N, C-alpha and C. Protein backbone atom coordinates (compact mmCIF):
# COMPACT_ATOMS: atom_id res chain seq x y z
N UNK A 1 0.81 -1.11 0.04
CA UNK A 1 0.02 -0.04 0.02
C UNK A 1 0.95 1.28 0.03
N UNK A 2 0.53 2.25 -0.81
CA UNK A 2 1.35 3.35 -0.99
C UNK A 2 0.56 4.60 -0.66
N UNK A 3 0.62 5.08 0.69
CA UNK A 3 -0.13 6.13 1.16
C UNK A 3 0.86 7.36 1.17
N UNK A 4 0.48 8.48 0.48
CA UNK A 4 1.38 9.65 0.34
C UNK A 4 1.08 10.80 1.24
N UNK A 5 -0.26 10.87 1.59
CA UNK A 5 -0.57 12.04 2.36
C UNK A 5 -1.49 11.74 3.50
N UNK A 6 -1.62 12.50 4.39
CA UNK A 6 -2.62 12.32 5.51
C UNK A 6 -4.09 12.27 4.95
N UNK A 7 -4.31 12.90 3.96
CA UNK A 7 -5.70 12.90 3.42
C UNK A 7 -5.93 11.44 2.90
N UNK A 8 -4.98 10.81 2.23
CA UNK A 8 -5.13 9.42 1.88
C UNK A 8 -5.45 8.56 3.04
N UNK A 9 -4.57 8.71 4.10
CA UNK A 9 -4.83 7.93 5.39
C UNK A 9 -6.31 8.02 5.85
N UNK A 10 -6.71 9.20 6.02
CA UNK A 10 -7.99 9.42 6.50
C UNK A 10 -9.14 8.77 5.62
N UNK A 11 -8.83 8.86 4.23
CA UNK A 11 -9.80 8.42 3.22
C UNK A 11 -9.79 6.77 3.27
N UNK A 12 -8.52 6.33 3.38
CA UNK A 12 -8.40 4.85 3.25
C UNK A 12 -8.86 4.10 4.49
N UNK A 13 -8.39 4.52 5.69
CA UNK A 13 -8.71 3.83 6.89
C UNK A 13 -10.03 4.39 7.47
N UNK A 14 -10.75 3.52 8.20
CA UNK A 14 -11.88 3.99 8.98
C UNK A 14 -11.17 4.64 10.20
N UNK A 15 -11.98 5.47 10.87
CA UNK A 15 -11.43 6.22 12.01
C UNK A 15 -10.97 5.41 13.05
N UNK A 16 -11.69 4.25 13.38
CA UNK A 16 -11.36 3.28 14.39
C UNK A 16 -9.98 2.57 14.20
N UNK A 17 -9.94 2.20 12.92
CA UNK A 17 -8.64 1.46 12.46
C UNK A 17 -7.45 2.32 12.59
N UNK A 18 -7.64 3.55 12.10
CA UNK A 18 -6.60 4.46 12.18
C UNK A 18 -6.06 4.89 13.60
N UNK A 19 -7.07 5.12 14.46
CA UNK A 19 -6.78 5.41 15.88
C UNK A 19 -6.13 4.25 16.51
N UNK A 20 -6.60 3.03 16.13
CA UNK A 20 -6.02 1.78 16.84
C UNK A 20 -4.56 1.63 16.42
N UNK A 21 -4.26 1.78 15.10
CA UNK A 21 -2.91 1.56 14.73
C UNK A 21 -1.96 2.74 15.20
N UNK A 22 -2.58 4.00 15.31
CA UNK A 22 -1.76 5.04 15.82
C UNK A 22 -1.46 4.90 17.22
N UNK A 23 -2.30 4.45 18.11
CA UNK A 23 -1.98 4.11 19.48
C UNK A 23 -0.93 2.96 19.64
N UNK A 24 -1.08 1.95 18.85
CA UNK A 24 -0.18 0.83 18.93
C UNK A 24 1.16 1.31 18.72
N UNK A 25 1.38 2.03 17.52
CA UNK A 25 2.67 2.60 17.20
C UNK A 25 3.23 3.46 18.30
N UNK A 26 2.48 4.31 18.92
CA UNK A 26 2.99 5.18 19.98
C UNK A 26 3.30 4.41 21.13
N UNK A 27 2.53 3.47 21.53
CA UNK A 27 2.97 2.52 22.64
C UNK A 27 4.24 1.93 22.52
N UNK A 28 4.59 1.47 21.31
CA UNK A 28 5.84 0.76 20.98
C UNK A 28 6.99 1.76 21.09
N UNK A 29 6.87 3.02 20.65
CA UNK A 29 7.98 3.96 20.59
C UNK A 29 8.06 4.84 21.75
N UNK A 30 7.16 4.87 22.73
CA UNK A 30 7.20 5.94 23.68
C UNK A 30 6.37 5.45 24.97
N UNK A 31 6.84 5.68 26.19
CA UNK A 31 6.02 5.34 27.33
C UNK A 31 5.14 6.41 27.76
N UNK A 32 5.30 7.62 27.19
CA UNK A 32 4.43 8.73 27.44
C UNK A 32 3.28 8.74 26.53
N UNK A 33 2.05 8.25 27.08
CA UNK A 33 0.79 8.08 26.22
C UNK A 33 -0.01 9.25 26.45
N UNK A 34 0.39 10.32 27.14
CA UNK A 34 -0.63 11.45 27.43
C UNK A 34 -0.79 12.19 26.01
N UNK A 35 0.22 12.31 25.26
CA UNK A 35 -0.08 12.97 23.92
C UNK A 35 -0.89 12.12 23.11
N UNK A 36 -0.72 10.84 23.09
CA UNK A 36 -1.65 10.03 22.35
C UNK A 36 -3.10 10.17 22.61
N UNK A 37 -3.27 10.23 23.93
CA UNK A 37 -4.77 10.39 24.53
C UNK A 37 -5.25 11.78 24.09
N UNK A 38 -4.39 12.80 24.08
CA UNK A 38 -4.93 14.08 23.64
C UNK A 38 -5.34 14.09 22.17
N UNK A 39 -4.40 13.46 21.36
CA UNK A 39 -4.60 13.41 19.89
C UNK A 39 -5.71 12.60 19.49
N UNK A 40 -6.00 11.49 20.31
CA UNK A 40 -7.03 10.50 20.05
C UNK A 40 -8.34 11.23 20.02
N UNK A 41 -8.69 12.20 20.93
CA UNK A 41 -9.86 12.94 20.89
C UNK A 41 -9.95 13.80 19.71
N UNK A 42 -8.84 14.27 19.15
CA UNK A 42 -8.90 15.18 17.99
C UNK A 42 -9.08 14.53 16.74
N UNK A 43 -8.95 13.17 16.69
CA UNK A 43 -9.12 12.42 15.45
C UNK A 43 -10.60 12.60 15.10
N UNK A 44 -11.54 12.89 15.89
CA UNK A 44 -12.98 13.08 15.71
C UNK A 44 -13.11 14.28 14.74
N UNK A 45 -12.08 15.06 14.50
CA UNK A 45 -12.17 16.19 13.62
C UNK A 45 -11.85 15.81 12.31
N UNK A 46 -12.09 14.60 11.82
CA UNK A 46 -11.70 14.06 10.64
C UNK A 46 -12.31 14.89 9.45
N UNK A 47 -13.54 15.26 9.61
CA UNK A 47 -14.14 16.05 8.47
C UNK A 47 -13.52 17.36 8.32
N UNK A 48 -13.31 18.08 9.45
CA UNK A 48 -12.68 19.34 9.42
C UNK A 48 -11.31 19.31 8.77
N UNK A 49 -10.57 18.22 9.13
CA UNK A 49 -9.25 18.09 8.52
C UNK A 49 -9.34 17.76 7.03
N UNK A 50 -10.35 17.02 6.58
CA UNK A 50 -10.53 16.84 5.19
C UNK A 50 -10.87 18.01 4.46
N UNK A 51 -11.73 18.84 5.08
CA UNK A 51 -12.10 20.16 4.45
C UNK A 51 -10.97 21.11 4.35
N UNK A 52 -10.06 21.12 5.39
CA UNK A 52 -8.84 21.89 5.44
C UNK A 52 -7.97 21.46 4.29
N UNK A 53 -7.91 20.12 4.10
CA UNK A 53 -6.97 19.68 3.04
C UNK A 53 -7.55 20.08 1.64
N UNK A 54 -8.86 20.10 1.50
CA UNK A 54 -9.43 20.47 0.19
C UNK A 54 -9.08 21.98 0.01
N UNK A 55 -9.24 22.82 0.99
CA UNK A 55 -8.91 24.29 1.01
C UNK A 55 -7.47 24.43 0.53
N UNK A 56 -6.49 23.73 1.04
CA UNK A 56 -5.08 23.87 0.65
C UNK A 56 -4.90 23.36 -0.77
N UNK A 57 -5.68 22.39 -1.17
CA UNK A 57 -5.59 21.80 -2.57
C UNK A 57 -6.09 22.90 -3.52
N UNK A 58 -7.17 23.60 -3.25
CA UNK A 58 -7.60 24.64 -3.97
C UNK A 58 -6.67 25.81 -4.14
N UNK A 59 -5.97 26.13 -3.00
CA UNK A 59 -5.05 27.21 -2.96
C UNK A 59 -3.67 26.82 -3.56
N UNK A 60 -3.49 25.48 -3.90
CA UNK A 60 -2.32 25.08 -4.48
C UNK A 60 -2.10 25.29 -5.87
N UNK A 61 -3.08 25.95 -6.65
CA UNK A 61 -2.84 26.22 -7.94
C UNK A 61 -2.44 27.71 -8.16
N UNK A 62 -1.31 27.93 -8.83
CA UNK A 62 -0.73 29.29 -9.01
C UNK A 62 -1.75 30.26 -9.73
N UNK A 63 -2.53 29.75 -10.66
CA UNK A 63 -3.37 30.75 -11.31
C UNK A 63 -4.53 31.22 -10.41
N UNK A 64 -4.97 30.34 -9.50
CA UNK A 64 -5.99 30.75 -8.51
C UNK A 64 -5.35 31.63 -7.47
N UNK A 65 -4.17 31.46 -7.21
CA UNK A 65 -3.40 32.34 -6.22
C UNK A 65 -3.28 33.71 -6.84
N UNK A 66 -2.90 33.85 -8.16
CA UNK A 66 -2.91 35.13 -8.77
C UNK A 66 -4.19 35.79 -8.80
N UNK A 67 -5.32 34.98 -9.06
CA UNK A 67 -6.72 35.64 -8.93
C UNK A 67 -6.98 36.31 -7.62
N UNK A 68 -6.51 35.40 -6.53
CA UNK A 68 -6.83 35.83 -5.21
C UNK A 68 -6.02 37.14 -4.92
N UNK A 69 -4.80 37.07 -5.33
CA UNK A 69 -3.77 38.26 -5.04
C UNK A 69 -4.45 39.46 -5.67
N UNK A 70 -4.95 39.46 -6.93
CA UNK A 70 -5.52 40.57 -7.62
C UNK A 70 -6.71 41.00 -6.86
N UNK A 71 -7.53 40.04 -6.27
CA UNK A 71 -8.83 40.39 -5.57
C UNK A 71 -8.53 40.97 -4.10
N UNK A 72 -7.20 40.79 -3.63
CA UNK A 72 -6.77 41.46 -2.37
C UNK A 72 -7.08 43.03 -2.42
N UNK A 73 -6.95 43.55 -3.65
CA UNK A 73 -6.98 45.01 -3.78
C UNK A 73 -8.44 45.44 -3.91
N UNK A 74 -9.34 44.47 -4.19
CA UNK A 74 -10.81 44.79 -4.25
C UNK A 74 -11.39 44.17 -5.51
N UNK A 75 -12.71 44.41 -5.57
CA UNK A 75 -13.58 43.80 -6.55
C UNK A 75 -12.96 44.01 -8.03
N UNK A 76 -13.08 42.94 -8.82
CA UNK A 76 -12.61 42.93 -10.24
C UNK A 76 -13.68 42.34 -11.14
N UNK A 77 -13.87 42.81 -12.32
CA UNK A 77 -14.67 42.07 -13.22
C UNK A 77 -13.80 40.99 -14.04
N UNK A 78 -14.49 40.24 -14.69
CA UNK A 78 -13.86 38.98 -15.36
C UNK A 78 -12.85 39.62 -16.37
N UNK A 79 -13.28 40.59 -17.15
CA UNK A 79 -12.38 41.06 -18.19
C UNK A 79 -11.04 41.60 -17.55
N UNK A 80 -11.10 42.28 -16.42
CA UNK A 80 -9.91 42.78 -15.63
C UNK A 80 -9.00 41.66 -15.27
N UNK A 81 -9.63 40.56 -14.79
CA UNK A 81 -8.80 39.42 -14.38
C UNK A 81 -8.10 38.78 -15.55
N UNK A 82 -8.83 38.69 -16.64
CA UNK A 82 -8.33 38.23 -17.83
C UNK A 82 -7.01 38.98 -18.21
N UNK A 83 -7.17 40.28 -18.25
CA UNK A 83 -6.11 41.14 -18.69
C UNK A 83 -4.88 41.08 -17.65
N UNK A 84 -5.22 40.94 -16.40
CA UNK A 84 -4.25 40.91 -15.31
C UNK A 84 -3.38 39.58 -15.49
N UNK A 85 -4.06 38.46 -15.83
CA UNK A 85 -3.25 37.19 -15.90
C UNK A 85 -2.80 36.97 -17.20
N UNK A 86 -3.44 37.55 -18.35
CA UNK A 86 -3.02 37.11 -19.72
C UNK A 86 -3.51 35.78 -20.04
N UNK A 87 -4.55 35.35 -19.57
CA UNK A 87 -5.19 34.03 -19.80
C UNK A 87 -6.42 34.30 -20.60
N UNK A 88 -6.99 33.14 -21.27
CA UNK A 88 -8.26 33.29 -22.05
C UNK A 88 -9.35 33.46 -20.97
N UNK A 89 -10.52 33.96 -21.43
CA UNK A 89 -11.61 34.15 -20.64
C UNK A 89 -12.10 32.80 -20.12
N UNK A 90 -12.19 31.85 -20.92
CA UNK A 90 -12.67 30.50 -20.51
C UNK A 90 -11.76 29.90 -19.46
N UNK A 91 -10.47 30.08 -19.56
CA UNK A 91 -9.68 29.56 -18.47
C UNK A 91 -9.82 30.24 -17.15
N UNK A 92 -9.94 31.64 -17.17
CA UNK A 92 -10.07 32.40 -16.04
C UNK A 92 -11.52 32.02 -15.39
N UNK A 93 -12.51 31.94 -16.32
CA UNK A 93 -13.81 31.47 -15.73
C UNK A 93 -13.89 30.20 -15.08
N UNK A 94 -13.05 29.28 -15.61
CA UNK A 94 -13.05 27.88 -14.97
C UNK A 94 -12.40 27.97 -13.59
N UNK A 95 -11.31 28.82 -13.40
CA UNK A 95 -10.73 29.09 -12.11
C UNK A 95 -11.56 29.79 -11.20
N UNK A 96 -12.30 30.75 -11.67
CA UNK A 96 -13.26 31.52 -10.85
C UNK A 96 -14.41 30.59 -10.30
N UNK A 97 -14.81 29.70 -11.29
CA UNK A 97 -15.91 28.84 -10.80
C UNK A 97 -15.38 27.91 -9.67
N UNK A 98 -14.25 27.44 -9.76
CA UNK A 98 -13.70 26.65 -8.61
C UNK A 98 -13.66 27.49 -7.35
N UNK A 99 -13.20 28.74 -7.46
CA UNK A 99 -13.08 29.54 -6.23
C UNK A 99 -14.34 29.88 -5.74
N UNK A 100 -15.34 30.09 -6.62
CA UNK A 100 -16.74 30.38 -6.18
C UNK A 100 -17.43 29.17 -5.50
N UNK A 101 -17.24 28.01 -6.09
CA UNK A 101 -17.68 26.73 -5.44
C UNK A 101 -17.15 26.53 -4.05
N UNK A 102 -15.89 26.86 -3.86
CA UNK A 102 -15.15 26.70 -2.64
C UNK A 102 -15.50 27.81 -1.61
N UNK A 103 -16.35 28.84 -2.09
CA UNK A 103 -16.80 29.99 -1.28
C UNK A 103 -15.44 30.84 -0.84
N UNK A 104 -14.54 30.89 -1.75
CA UNK A 104 -13.41 31.78 -1.49
C UNK A 104 -13.70 33.24 -2.11
N UNK A 105 -14.52 33.14 -3.11
CA UNK A 105 -14.86 34.41 -3.83
C UNK A 105 -16.38 34.54 -3.83
N UNK A 106 -16.78 35.83 -3.93
CA UNK A 106 -18.30 36.03 -4.11
C UNK A 106 -18.47 36.71 -5.38
N UNK A 107 -19.81 36.70 -5.95
CA UNK A 107 -20.06 37.18 -7.21
C UNK A 107 -21.14 38.25 -7.11
N UNK A 108 -21.06 39.25 -7.93
CA UNK A 108 -21.99 40.37 -8.05
C UNK A 108 -22.13 40.59 -9.46
N UNK A 109 -23.44 40.50 -9.95
CA UNK A 109 -23.77 40.87 -11.28
C UNK A 109 -24.31 42.24 -11.45
N UNK A 110 -23.87 42.88 -12.53
CA UNK A 110 -24.38 44.26 -12.77
C UNK A 110 -24.53 44.30 -14.30
N UNK A 111 -25.79 44.21 -14.72
CA UNK A 111 -26.01 44.10 -16.20
C UNK A 111 -25.36 42.86 -16.75
N UNK A 112 -24.56 43.07 -17.79
CA UNK A 112 -23.84 41.86 -18.40
C UNK A 112 -22.56 41.66 -17.77
N UNK A 113 -22.11 42.52 -16.97
CA UNK A 113 -20.75 42.30 -16.29
C UNK A 113 -20.91 41.51 -15.00
N UNK A 114 -19.94 40.77 -14.67
CA UNK A 114 -19.92 39.94 -13.46
C UNK A 114 -18.59 40.38 -12.62
N UNK A 115 -18.73 40.67 -11.46
CA UNK A 115 -17.69 41.10 -10.59
C UNK A 115 -17.49 40.14 -9.51
N UNK A 116 -16.16 40.00 -9.21
CA UNK A 116 -15.73 39.01 -8.17
C UNK A 116 -15.00 39.71 -7.05
N UNK A 117 -15.11 39.24 -5.80
CA UNK A 117 -14.39 39.76 -4.66
C UNK A 117 -14.13 38.70 -3.73
N UNK A 118 -13.17 38.89 -2.78
CA UNK A 118 -12.96 37.88 -1.75
C UNK A 118 -14.20 37.75 -0.95
N UNK A 119 -14.43 36.46 -0.50
CA UNK A 119 -15.79 36.18 0.24
C UNK A 119 -15.71 36.79 1.70
N UNK A 120 -14.59 36.79 2.29
CA UNK A 120 -14.49 37.31 3.64
C UNK A 120 -13.01 37.62 3.98
N UNK A 121 -12.87 38.20 5.15
CA UNK A 121 -11.42 38.57 5.46
C UNK A 121 -10.60 37.45 5.81
N UNK A 122 -11.13 36.19 6.23
CA UNK A 122 -10.29 35.12 6.50
C UNK A 122 -9.43 34.69 5.29
N UNK A 123 -9.87 34.80 4.05
CA UNK A 123 -9.12 34.53 2.96
C UNK A 123 -8.01 35.48 2.85
N UNK A 124 -8.19 36.69 2.99
CA UNK A 124 -7.09 37.79 3.13
C UNK A 124 -6.10 37.28 4.13
N UNK A 125 -6.52 36.85 5.26
CA UNK A 125 -5.53 36.53 6.43
C UNK A 125 -4.76 35.33 6.13
N UNK A 126 -5.38 34.27 5.47
CA UNK A 126 -4.69 33.08 5.02
C UNK A 126 -3.60 33.37 4.05
N UNK A 127 -3.98 34.34 2.98
CA UNK A 127 -2.98 34.58 2.02
C UNK A 127 -1.92 35.47 2.65
N UNK A 128 -2.12 36.44 3.54
CA UNK A 128 -1.11 37.22 4.27
C UNK A 128 -0.26 36.32 5.11
N UNK A 129 -0.87 35.46 5.81
CA UNK A 129 -0.01 34.52 6.63
C UNK A 129 0.89 33.64 5.84
N UNK A 130 0.41 33.23 4.72
CA UNK A 130 1.24 32.47 3.80
C UNK A 130 2.40 33.27 3.21
N UNK A 131 2.08 34.48 2.77
CA UNK A 131 3.17 35.27 2.42
C UNK A 131 4.21 35.66 3.39
N UNK A 132 3.84 35.88 4.70
CA UNK A 132 4.73 36.20 5.75
C UNK A 132 5.47 34.95 6.04
N UNK A 133 4.98 33.76 5.98
CA UNK A 133 5.68 32.57 6.21
C UNK A 133 6.71 32.37 5.28
N UNK A 134 6.52 32.54 3.85
CA UNK A 134 7.52 32.50 2.85
C UNK A 134 8.50 33.45 3.04
N UNK A 135 8.26 34.74 3.36
CA UNK A 135 9.23 35.76 3.59
C UNK A 135 10.15 35.40 4.74
N UNK A 136 9.61 34.90 5.88
CA UNK A 136 10.38 34.42 6.95
C UNK A 136 11.44 33.26 6.58
N UNK A 137 10.86 32.36 5.93
CA UNK A 137 11.68 31.12 5.46
C UNK A 137 12.86 31.58 4.57
N UNK A 138 12.51 32.37 3.58
CA UNK A 138 13.47 32.81 2.59
C UNK A 138 14.20 34.07 2.89
N UNK A 139 13.96 34.67 4.11
CA UNK A 139 14.55 35.93 4.50
C UNK A 139 14.38 37.08 3.47
N UNK A 140 13.20 37.10 2.80
CA UNK A 140 12.89 38.16 1.87
C UNK A 140 12.49 39.51 2.44
């Protein structure tokens, strides 16, 4: 079996099986089980962890990150985003649809024009924390 990410572990194993294997491994490698008991209760947050993994998967696309970066400054129409990224309108619309379905952006229609903006301030904070992390790591 080739499991590459925590997401695959959660999807492959049932919660009970995963917790059981996790505890057995920790008992073998350490006499201090207090950490295991703390984390055992947190395994119940499986859905939240899967949702978080989905969020990071969506943020893992550079074109979507460029769109979000543009939207940090404020609302933009599709044609402005197309000009900013130098992509086709259909490619931009595809990325915007993913961002909209993920509730990272919101849509406002005015006549034939469609305007996009960040859905809430948390997206701005996630973006800024990520940039600060990169700057700290690479001393930029």
